Amino acid sequence: MATVASALINLCQQVRDIFLQEPRLLRLQPPVYVLGDVHGNFRDLVSFEKALWRLGIPLTPANFLFLGNKTNLTKSLKITTQLLF
């Protein structure tokens, strides 16, 4: 049990170090689409695709900021992750 606890404490310290290195404020060039939690919902992501980036994200003259969770333990987890990345 002590090994698991030590591993968790070590992981938390590593994650803390990463978070402290990341900026708190993102400076994005307009236009920017701000989208909420996707939670692995493939249907919502397809709706965003049809409405906002019909030619694909790389060909859309805008920036996209996804807030919160992008994936979740759903059946469409893999395909949602693939579409985002």
Protein backbone atom coordinates (compact mmCIF):
# COMPACT_ATOMS: atom_id res chain seq x y z
CA MET A 1 0.00 0.00 0.00
CA ALA A 2 2.86 2.37 0.77
CA THR A 3 4.22 1.82 -2.74
CA VAL A 4 0.91 2.89 -4.30
CA ALA A 5 0.71 5.93 -2.04
CA SER A 6 4.29 6.91 -2.88
CA ALA A 7 3.59 6.51 -6.59
CA LEU A 8 0.48 8.72 -6.33
CA ILE A 9 2.36 11.40 -4.40
CA ASN A 10 5.16 11.31 -6.98
CA LEU A 11 2.64 11.57 -9.83
CA CYS A 12 0.91 14.54 -8.20
CA GLN A 13 4.24 16.32 -7.77
CA GLN A 14 5.13 15.75 -11.43
CA VAL A 15 1.74 17.04 -12.60
CA ARG A 16 2.06 20.08 -10.32
CA ASP A 17 5.43 20.92 -11.89
CA ILE A 18 3.91 20.73 -15.38
CA PHE A 19 0.94 22.91 -14.41
CA LEU A 20 3.21 25.54 -12.89
CA GLN A 21 5.13 25.79 -16.18
CA GLU A 22 2.00 26.35 -18.28
CA PRO A 23 0.66 29.87 -18.81
CA ARG A 24 -2.55 30.84 -17.04
CA LEU A 25 -3.57 33.12 -19.86
CA LEU A 26 -3.71 32.11 -23.51
CA ARG A 27 -3.31 34.82 -26.10
CA LEU A 28 -5.22 33.70 -29.16
CA GLN A 29 -5.65 35.53 -32.44
CA PRO A 30 -9.26 36.19 -33.47
CA PRO A 31 -11.52 34.78 -34.64
CA VAL A 32 -11.74 32.16 -31.88
CA TYR A 33 -14.46 29.59 -31.34
CA VAL A 34 -14.75 28.60 -27.67
CA LEU A 35 -16.34 25.19 -27.17
CA GLY A 36 -17.35 23.57 -23.90
CA ASP A 37 -16.82 20.05 -22.62
CA VAL A 38 -17.09 17.43 -25.35
CA HIS A 39 -16.98 14.45 -22.94
CA GLY A 40 -16.44 12.03 -25.81
CA ASN A 41 -19.79 12.95 -27.36
CA PHE A 42 -19.21 12.20 -31.02
CA ARG A 43 -22.60 13.57 -32.15
CA ASP A 44 -21.90 16.98 -30.61
CA LEU A 45 -18.46 17.05 -32.18
CA VAL A 46 -19.94 16.24 -35.60
CA SER A 47 -22.44 19.07 -35.09
CA PHE A 48 -19.55 21.45 -34.39
CA GLU A 49 -17.79 20.15 -37.48
CA LYS A 50 -20.79 20.78 -39.73
CA ALA A 51 -21.36 24.26 -38.33
CA LEU A 52 -17.84 25.57 -37.78
CA TRP A 53 -15.17 23.74 -39.76
CA ARG A 54 -16.70 22.29 -42.89
CA LEU A 55 -13.33 22.17 -44.68
CA GLY A 56 -11.51 20.66 -41.70
CA ILE A 57 -9.87 22.39 -38.77
CA PRO A 58 -6.55 23.03 -40.59
CA LEU A 59 -8.36 24.82 -43.44
CA THR A 60 -10.69 26.89 -41.26
CA PRO A 61 -9.47 30.48 -40.81
CA ALA A 62 -10.10 30.50 -37.06
CA ASN A 63 -8.74 29.20 -33.77
CA PHE A 64 -10.56 26.68 -31.61
CA LEU A 65 -10.39 26.57 -27.83
CA PHE A 66 -11.85 23.46 -26.20
CA LEU A 67 -12.65 23.90 -22.51
CA GLY A 68 -12.75 21.14 -19.95
CA ASN A 69 -12.93 17.45 -20.69
CA LYS A 70 -12.54 16.24 -24.22
CA THR A 71 -12.93 12.56 -23.62
CA ASN A 72 -14.83 10.30 -21.30
CA LEU A 73 -15.42 6.57 -20.97
CA THR A 74 -18.03 6.32 -23.71
CA LYS A 75 -18.40 4.00 -26.66
CA SER A 76 -17.31 6.76 -29.02
CA LEU A 77 -14.18 7.67 -27.03
CA LYS A 78 -11.70 6.49 -29.67
CA ILE A 79 -13.36 8.10 -32.66
CA THR A 80 -13.96 11.38 -30.79
CA THR A 81 -10.31 11.54 -29.76
CA GLN A 82 -9.19 10.77 -33.32
CA LEU A 83 -11.37 13.53 -34.75
CA LEU A 84 -10.00 16.08 -32.30
CA PHE A 85 -6.36 15.18 -32.80
